[in-house]
Amino acid sequence: MGDARQHDRDFMRQALALAMGGAGRVAPNPLVGSVIVKNGAIVGRGWHEGPGKPHAEIVALQDAGPAARGATVYVTLEPCNHDGRTGPCAEALIEAGIAEVIYALADPNPTAAGGGKRLRAAGVRVCGGVLEDEAREQNRFWLRWLETERPYVIAKFAASLDGKLATRKNDSQWITGDAARQRAHDLRRRMDAILVGADTVIADDPSLTARNDSDDPQHPLRVVLDTAGRTPPGAKVYDRAGKGALLVASEKTTPSRLHAYRDLGVDVLQLTAGQDGRPELEALLDALGARGVNALLVEGGGAALGAFFDAGLVDEVWAFIAPLVIGGAGAPSVAGRGPALLAEAWRLAEPQTEWLGGDVLVRGRIRKEAP
């Protein structure tokens, strides 16, 4: 590969890094970042901050001002070609006098696609596919939602070396150290919704917020899977901060109990219970997808995680492993029915590891095909 292609990749990496500024904020839109380059120097930067806000290219054009004329735009997603909440980016780039557009991922959304073609027709040089794999990985949540209208599901848990998340007396705080917990909060900030089961709320009373030092904290939608309405309506998880809370109940929950939640401002979704007595998980994913949730983090406990694994609905795993052994009748990190044979176990494709103090994070996508 020549210098020009390396040059393009370097600028596209900066655009990809900028795109992460919208993490946890843009759903149901994609993450997009852009830089504008003239005479080898960046003159404009931008990223998409959320629905209804200017697209990354528009922000970069505003940042560049008159310097945009005759420049090259690097953008992680093909510029849009439709009038939605904002105007078509392709037309804005043409009007700004941009000479060349280089993008990573062609827009698979038929409503917005065609920006490259429109730019070429106006005499703008266009090149696509630069760091396409990286852009596809970055937008895997949005791409799943666009294809299935369901969120991408990440199973996350912290466990001992023998796979336990709590002792026989349900003591679980804290299995992992500060570095691992901070990494988990970094993950939460990228999520649109976090789900736990009723037992976790009753035992731990978690807030499920994404803690950070920012003046603008991001709190995902907190989802509680509670078949019979056993969780206290005043639990921390039902606080209305950020994107609020959603109780997922079944027909087993009495109307009076549902009113108690609604009176406190908790959103309620009542679904039919499946054979395992839980609300149907596929119906839940359909409902969350309809709300524009691109990414769902299933945090526990073991029963809820096991239900998602048993249903084949997990796309990716983040397992934080601590160097201790609990043994005995401690709670398993993943319960449920589980496979009968090792050949049927859920394996990670190309797993990655990170050392976090004394703990280790093992993460990767679930391998969908046979090894």
Protein backbone atom coordinates (compact mmCIF):
# COMPACT_ATOMS: atom_id res chain seq x y z
CA MET A 1 0.00 0.00 0.00
CA GLY A 2 1.30 3.43 -0.94
CA ASP A 3 1.72 6.55 1.14
CA ALA A 4 -1.60 7.98 -0.04
CA ARG A 5 -3.56 5.01 1.28
CA GLN A 6 -1.73 5.11 4.62
CA HIS A 7 -2.44 8.84 4.74
CA ASP A 8 -6.15 8.13 4.20
CA ARG A 9 -6.20 5.46 6.89
CA ASP A 10 -4.58 7.78 9.41
CA PHE A 11 -7.19 10.49 8.89
CA MET A 12 -10.02 7.92 8.92
CA ARG A 13 -8.80 6.61 12.29
CA GLN A 14 -9.18 10.13 13.65
CA ALA A 15 -12.72 10.26 12.27
CA LEU A 16 -13.50 6.90 13.92
CA ALA A 17 -12.18 8.20 17.25
CA LEU A 18 -14.37 11.30 16.95
CA ALA A 19 -17.43 9.14 16.25
CA MET A 20 -17.17 7.66 19.75
CA GLY A 21 -18.19 11.05 21.14
CA GLY A 22 -21.76 10.01 20.36
CA ALA A 23 -21.57 6.62 22.10
CA GLY A 24 -24.68 5.93 24.15
CA ARG A 25 -26.42 9.03 22.76
CA VAL A 26 -27.17 8.53 19.09
CA ALA A 27 -29.61 5.56 18.96
CA PRO A 28 -31.43 4.78 16.80
CA ASN A 29 -28.90 6.57 14.58
CA PRO A 30 -25.36 5.35 13.81
CA LEU A 31 -22.08 6.58 15.26
CA VAL A 32 -20.44 8.89 12.72
CA GLY A 33 -17.28 10.99 12.86
CA SER A 34 -15.70 13.27 10.27
CA VAL A 35 -12.55 15.30 9.67
CA ILE A 36 -11.90 17.82 6.89
CA VAL A 37 -8.34 17.97 5.57
CA LYS A 38 -6.67 20.65 3.46
CA ASN A 39 -3.00 20.76 2.48
CA GLY A 40 -2.32 17.81 4.77
CA ALA A 41 -3.79 19.42 7.90
CA ILE A 42 -7.13 18.98 9.65
CA VAL A 43 -9.23 22.13 9.36
CA GLY A 44 -12.55 20.79 10.62
CA ARG A 45 -13.80 18.10 13.02
CA GLY A 46 -17.25 16.81 13.89
CA TRP A 47 -19.33 13.92 15.14
CA HIS A 48 -23.01 13.14 15.36
CA GLU A 49 -24.32 13.85 18.88
CA GLY A 50 -27.83 12.42 18.65
CA PRO A 51 -31.18 12.28 16.85
CA GLY A 52 -32.27 15.62 15.43
CA LYS A 53 -28.79 17.11 15.81
CA PRO A 54 -26.50 17.97 12.89
CA HIS A 55 -24.71 15.08 11.22
CA ALA A 56 -20.95 14.72 11.59
CA GLU A 57 -20.16 16.21 8.19
CA ILE A 58 -22.24 19.31 8.90
CA VAL A 59 -20.52 19.87 12.25
CA ALA A 60 -17.13 19.48 10.55
CA LEU A 61 -18.13 21.93 7.80
CA GLN A 62 -19.18 24.48 10.41
CA ASP A 63 -15.87 23.96 12.20
CA ALA A 64 -13.86 24.39 8.98
CA GLY A 65 -15.73 27.43 7.68
CA PRO A 66 -14.34 28.82 4.37
CA ALA A 67 -11.35 26.44 4.59
CA ALA A 68 -13.67 23.59 3.53
CA ARG A 69 -13.67 24.75 -0.11
CA GLY A 70 -11.39 22.48 -2.13
CA ALA A 71 -10.72 20.22 0.86
CA THR A 72 -11.10 16.47 1.45
CA VAL A 73 -13.73 15.11 3.82
CA TYR A 74 -13.14 11.88 5.71
CA VAL A 75 -16.31 10.41 7.19
CA THR A 76 -16.96 7.02 8.78
CA LEU A 77 -20.32 6.51 7.02
CA GLU A 78 -21.30 7.40 3.46
CA PRO A 79 -22.92 10.87 3.49
CA CYS A 80 -26.70 10.66 3.58
CA ASN A 81 -28.87 11.49 0.59
CA HIS A 82 -32.27 12.18 2.11
CA ASP A 83 -34.27 14.84 3.89
CA GLY A 84 -35.03 13.66 7.42
CA ARG A 85 -34.76 15.65 10.63
CA THR A 86 -31.80 17.29 8.90
CA GLY A 87 -31.06 17.96 5.23
CA PRO A 88 -28.98 15.68 2.98
CA CYS A 89 -25.28 15.82 3.86
CA ALA A 90 -24.28 15.06 0.26
CA GLU A 91 -25.88 18.29 -0.92
CA ALA A 92 -24.29 20.30 1.90
CA LEU A 93 -20.85 18.97 0.92
CA ILE A 94 -21.44 19.93 -2.71
CA GLU A 95 -22.54 23.44 -1.77
CA ALA A 96 -19.47 23.85 0.46
CA GLY A 97 -17.20 23.18 -2.51
CA ILE A 98 -15.65 19.99 -1.15
CA ALA A 99 -13.28 18.44 -3.71
CA GLU A 100 -13.13 14.87 -2.40
CA VAL A 101 -15.06 12.62 -0.01
CA ILE A 102 -13.54 9.48 1.48
CA TYR A 103 -15.81 7.27 3.59
CA ALA A 104 -15.40 3.99 5.47
CA LEU A 105 -18.78 2.24 5.33
CA ALA A 106 -21.40 2.45 2.59
CA ASP A 107 -24.76 3.37 4.10
CA PRO A 108 -26.91 0.18 4.17
CA ASN A 109 -30.04 2.14 5.04
CA PRO A 110 -32.04 2.35 1.79
CA THR A 111 -33.71 5.55 2.99
CA ALA A 112 -30.41 7.40 3.32
CA ALA A 113 -28.15 5.61 0.82
CA GLY A 114 -26.94 7.10 -2.44
CA GLY A 115 -24.86 9.98 -1.16
CA GLY A 116 -21.75 8.77 -2.98
CA LYS A 117 -23.59 8.63 -6.28
CA ARG A 118 -25.00 12.13 -5.80
CA LEU A 119 -21.54 13.50 -4.99
CA ARG A 120 -19.97 11.88 -8.07
CA ALA A 121 -22.71 13.32 -10.28
CA ALA A 122 -21.73 16.78 -8.99
CA GLY A 123 -18.08 16.23 -9.89
CA VAL A 124 -16.81 15.40 -6.38
CA ARG A 125 -14.17 12.65 -6.18
CA VAL A 126 -15.46 9.80 -4.00
CA CYS A 127 -13.69 6.81 -2.47
CA GLY A 128 -15.35 4.28 -0.16
CA GLY A 129 -14.21 1.33 1.93
CA VAL A 130 -11.30 2.92 3.81
CA LEU A 131 -11.14 1.10 7.19
CA GLU A 132 -14.53 -0.43 6.44
CA ASP A 133 -14.04 -3.33 8.87
CA GLU A 134 -13.26 -0.96 11.74
CA ALA A 135 -16.31 1.16 10.93
CA ARG A 136 -18.52 -1.93 10.74
CA GLU A 137 -17.28 -3.10 14.13
CA GLN A 138 -17.84 0.33 15.64
CA ASN A 139 -21.42 0.40 14.37
CA ARG A 140 -22.28 -3.26 15.01
CA PHE A 141 -25.15 -2.23 17.33
CA TRP A 142 -26.79 0.01 14.74
CA LEU A 143 -26.23 -2.48 11.91
CA ARG A 144 -27.98 -5.23 13.91
CA TRP A 145 -30.91 -2.94 14.68
CA LEU A 146 -31.14 -1.85 11.04
CA GLU A 147 -31.22 -5.47 9.87
CA THR A 148 -33.51 -7.02 12.50
CA GLU A 149 -35.19 -4.08 14.28
CA ARG A 150 -33.87 -5.64 17.49
CA PRO A 151 -30.99 -4.54 19.73
CA TYR A 152 -27.55 -6.13 19.78
CA VAL A 153 -27.25 -8.06 23.07
CA ILE A 154 -24.14 -8.11 25.25
CA ALA A 155 -23.99 -10.45 28.26
CA LYS A 156 -21.79 -9.01 30.99
CA PHE A 157 -20.87 -10.57 34.33
CA ALA A 158 -18.19 -10.54 37.01
CA ALA A 159 -17.21 -13.94 38.36
CA SER A 160 -14.70 -15.87 40.41
CA LEU A 161 -12.30 -18.35 38.82
CA ASP A 162 -14.89 -21.09 39.39
CA GLY A 163 -17.65 -19.10 37.71
CA LYS A 164 -19.54 -17.85 40.78
CA LEU A 165 -21.00 -14.37 41.11
CA ALA A 166 -21.85 -14.61 44.82
CA THR A 167 -21.27 -16.74 47.91
CA ARG A 168 -23.83 -19.16 49.38
CA LYS A 169 -25.09 -16.22 51.48
CA ASN A 170 -25.38 -14.04 48.35
CA ASP A 171 -22.42 -11.81 49.16
CA SER A 172 -21.25 -10.36 45.83
CA GLN A 173 -19.80 -6.88 46.46
CA TRP A 174 -17.18 -6.65 45.24
CA ILE A 175 -15.79 -9.62 43.32
CA THR A 176 -13.65 -7.48 41.01
CA GLY A 177 -11.52 -4.43 41.76
CA ASP A 178 -11.76 -0.75 40.91
CA ALA A 179 -10.20 -0.99 37.43
CA ALA A 180 -12.63 -3.69 36.33
CA ARG A 181 -15.63 -1.81 37.70
CA GLN A 182 -14.53 1.36 35.88
CA ARG A 183 -14.23 -0.63 32.65
CA ALA A 184 -17.75 -1.92 33.22
CA HIS A 185 -19.03 1.64 33.62
CA ASP A 186 -17.27 2.57 30.37
CA LEU A 187 -19.26 -0.21 28.71
CA ARG A 188 -22.51 0.97 30.30
CA ARG A 189 -22.04 4.42 28.83
CA ARG A 190 -22.08 2.89 25.35
CA MET A 191 -25.36 1.07 25.97
CA ASP A 192 -28.87 2.26 25.26
CA ALA A 193 -30.39 -0.05 27.87
CA ILE A 194 -29.26 -2.28 30.78
CA LEU A 195 -31.30 -5.28 31.92
CA VAL A 196 -31.32 -7.20 35.20
CA GLY A 197 -33.67 -9.75 36.75
CA ALA A 198 -35.87 -9.23 39.78
CA ASP A 199 -33.58 -11.23 42.10
CA THR A 200 -30.68 -8.85 41.41
CA VAL A 201 -32.81 -5.81 42.27
CA ILE A 202 -34.11 -7.42 45.46
CA ALA A 203 -30.67 -8.61 46.61
CA ASP A 204 -28.45 -5.66 45.62
CA ASP A 205 -30.74 -2.67 44.96
CA PRO A 206 -28.46 -1.47 42.11
CA SER A 207 -28.89 1.91 40.46
CA LEU A 208 -27.53 0.66 37.07
CA THR A 209 -26.27 4.11 36.17
CA ALA A 210 -23.08 4.82 34.23
CA ARG A 211 -20.94 6.68 36.72
CA ASN A 212 -18.29 9.10 35.47
CA ASP A 213 -16.80 12.49 36.25
CA SER A 214 -18.75 14.30 33.54
CA ASP A 215 -21.16 17.16 34.18
CA ASP A 216 -23.42 15.45 31.64
CA PRO A 217 -23.74 11.84 32.89
CA GLN A 218 -25.26 9.24 30.59
CA HIS A 219 -27.76 6.94 32.26
CA PRO A 220 -29.13 4.22 29.97
CA LEU A 221 -32.68 2.93 30.09
CA ARG A 222 -32.84 0.54 33.07
CA VAL A 223 -34.88 -2.58 32.31
CA VAL A 224 -36.06 -4.94 35.05
CA LEU A 225 -37.29 -8.41 34.11
CA ASP A 226 -39.84 -9.04 36.86
CA THR A 227 -42.49 -11.63 36.03
CA ALA A 228 -44.74 -11.12 39.06
CA GLY A 229 -43.89 -7.58 40.20
CA ARG A 230 -41.76 -8.67 43.17
CA THR A 231 -39.32 -5.74 43.07
CA PRO A 232 -40.00 -2.73 45.35
CA PRO A 233 -41.44 0.17 43.31
CA GLY A 234 -39.11 2.50 45.20
CA ALA A 235 -35.93 0.60 44.27
CA LYS A 236 -32.96 2.67 43.04
CA VAL A 237 -33.20 1.17 39.56
CA TYR A 238 -36.58 2.86 39.05
CA ASP A 239 -35.18 6.37 39.42
CA ARG A 240 -36.23 8.50 36.44
CA ALA A 241 -32.76 9.97 35.78
CA GLY A 242 -31.41 9.74 32.25
CA LYS A 243 -33.49 7.51 30.00
CA GLY A 244 -35.64 6.31 32.88
CA ALA A 245 -36.73 2.80 33.83
CA LEU A 246 -38.85 0.07 32.31
CA LEU A 247 -40.52 -2.74 34.26
CA VAL A 248 -41.05 -5.84 32.11
CA ALA A 249 -43.82 -7.88 33.70
CA SER A 250 -46.16 -10.68 32.66
CA GLU A 251 -49.87 -11.33 33.04
CA LYS A 252 -49.03 -12.69 36.52
CA THR A 253 -48.55 -9.15 37.81
CA THR A 254 -51.75 -7.78 39.34
CA PRO A 255 -53.24 -4.49 38.06
CA SER A 256 -52.91 -2.91 41.51
CA ARG A 257 -49.20 -3.74 41.60
CA LEU A 258 -48.69 -2.27 38.12
CA HIS A 259 -50.41 0.94 39.25
CA ALA A 260 -47.94 1.21 42.14
CA TYR A 261 -45.07 1.34 39.66
CA ARG A 262 -46.81 3.71 37.27
CA ASP A 263 -47.68 6.10 40.11
CA LEU A 264 -43.93 6.52 40.68
CA GLY A 265 -43.27 7.25 37.00
CA VAL A 266 -42.02 3.80 36.05
CA ASP A 267 -42.79 2.73 32.49
CA VAL A 268 -44.42 -0.70 32.36
CA LEU A 269 -44.34 -3.28 29.57
CA GLN A 270 -46.55 -6.32 30.12
CA LEU A 271 -45.72 -9.37 27.99
CA THR A 272 -46.99 -12.94 27.81
CA ALA A 273 -44.96 -15.39 29.90
CA GLY A 274 -43.17 -18.20 28.10
CA GLN A 275 -42.72 -21.82 29.14
CA ASP A 276 -40.06 -20.81 31.67
CA GLY A 277 -42.50 -18.42 33.33
CA ARG A 278 -40.59 -15.33 32.19
CA PRO A 279 -41.87 -12.71 29.76
CA GLU A 280 -41.06 -13.79 26.20
CA LEU A 281 -37.54 -12.50 25.53
CA GLU A 282 -37.94 -12.25 21.76
CA ALA A 283 -41.04 -10.12 22.27
CA LEU A 284 -39.04 -7.98 24.68
CA LEU A 285 -36.30 -7.43 22.09
CA ASP A 286 -38.95 -6.49 19.52
CA ALA A 287 -40.41 -3.95 21.95
CA LEU A 288 -37.00 -2.47 22.79
CA GLY A 289 -36.09 -2.28 19.11
CA ALA A 290 -39.32 -0.40 18.43
CA ARG A 291 -38.19 2.12 21.07
CA GLY A 292 -34.97 2.69 19.15
CA VAL A 293 -32.74 0.67 21.48
CA ASN A 294 -29.71 -0.43 19.45
CA ALA A 295 -27.65 -2.00 22.25
CA LEU A 296 -28.85 -3.96 25.29
CA LEU A 297 -26.52 -4.96 28.14
CA VAL A 298 -27.73 -7.95 30.17
CA GLU A 299 -25.95 -7.69 33.52
CA GLY A 300 -27.57 -10.42 35.60
CA GLY A 301 -28.21 -12.18 37.67
CA GLY A 302 -27.39 -15.70 36.65
CA ALA A 303 -31.00 -16.64 35.91
CA ALA A 304 -31.56 -13.71 33.54
CA LEU A 305 -28.23 -14.31 31.78
CA GLY A 306 -29.02 -18.00 31.47
CA ALA A 307 -32.41 -17.25 29.94
CA PHE A 308 -30.83 -15.11 27.21
CA PHE A 309 -28.17 -17.73 26.50
CA ASP A 310 -30.73 -20.55 26.40
CA ALA A 311 -32.82 -18.55 23.93
CA GLY A 312 -29.78 -18.00 21.69
CA LEU A 313 -30.15 -14.22 21.94
CA VAL A 314 -26.64 -13.25 23.12
CA ASP A 315 -24.37 -11.66 20.51
CA GLU A 316 -21.32 -10.81 22.62
CA VAL A 317 -19.85 -11.60 26.05
CA TRP A 318 -17.88 -9.44 28.50
CA ALA A 319 -16.68 -11.64 31.37
CA PHE A 320 -14.72 -9.98 34.20
CA ILE A 321 -12.82 -12.73 36.01
CA ALA A 322 -11.38 -12.21 39.51
CA PRO A 323 -8.49 -14.28 40.90
CA LEU A 324 -10.44 -15.93 43.71
CA VAL A 325 -12.32 -19.18 44.27
CA ILE A 326 -15.73 -19.14 45.98
CA GLY A 327 -16.76 -22.80 45.75
CA GLY A 328 -19.64 -24.41 47.61
CA ALA A 329 -23.18 -23.40 46.81
CA GLY A 330 -22.30 -19.96 45.48
CA ALA A 331 -24.52 -18.56 42.75
CA PRO A 332 -23.38 -19.35 39.19
CA SER A 333 -22.63 -16.42 36.92
CA VAL A 334 -24.78 -17.98 34.19
CA ALA A 335 -27.62 -20.30 35.18
CA GLY A 336 -30.49 -21.52 33.01
CA ARG A 337 -30.80 -24.88 31.31
CA GLY A 338 -27.46 -24.84 29.54
CA PRO A 339 -26.26 -27.21 26.80
CA ALA A 340 -26.19 -30.98 27.15
CA LEU A 341 -22.87 -31.37 25.31
CA LEU A 342 -19.66 -29.34 25.25
CA ALA A 343 -19.98 -29.16 21.48
CA GLU A 344 -23.18 -27.15 22.05
CA ALA A 345 -21.57 -24.67 24.45
CA TRP A 346 -21.42 -21.00 23.49
CA ARG A 347 -17.91 -20.22 22.27
CA LEU A 348 -16.35 -16.85 21.59
CA ALA A 349 -15.01 -16.08 18.14
CA GLU A 350 -11.54 -14.47 18.33
CA PRO A 351 -11.74 -13.63 22.06
CA GLN A 352 -9.78 -10.67 23.41
CA THR A 353 -8.30 -10.30 26.89
CA GLU A 354 -7.44 -7.24 28.98
CA TRP A 355 -5.67 -7.10 32.33
CA LEU A 356 -7.43 -4.76 34.73
CA GLY A 357 -5.37 -4.63 37.89
CA GLY A 358 -5.52 -8.16 39.29
CA ASP A 359 -8.60 -9.04 37.23
CA VAL A 360 -8.91 -10.07 33.60
CA LEU A 361 -11.60 -9.22 31.06
CA VAL A 362 -12.39 -11.82 28.41
CA ARG A 363 -14.66 -10.52 25.68
CA GLY A 364 -15.77 -11.43 22.18
CA ARG A 365 -18.69 -12.22 19.91
CA ILE A 366 -20.55 -15.47 20.21
CA ARG A 367 -19.51 -17.83 17.43
CA LYS A 368 -22.70 -18.44 15.44
CA GLU A 369 -21.40 -21.19 13.17
CA ALA A 370 -19.94 -24.59 14.06
CA PRO A 371 -16.17 -24.58 14.74
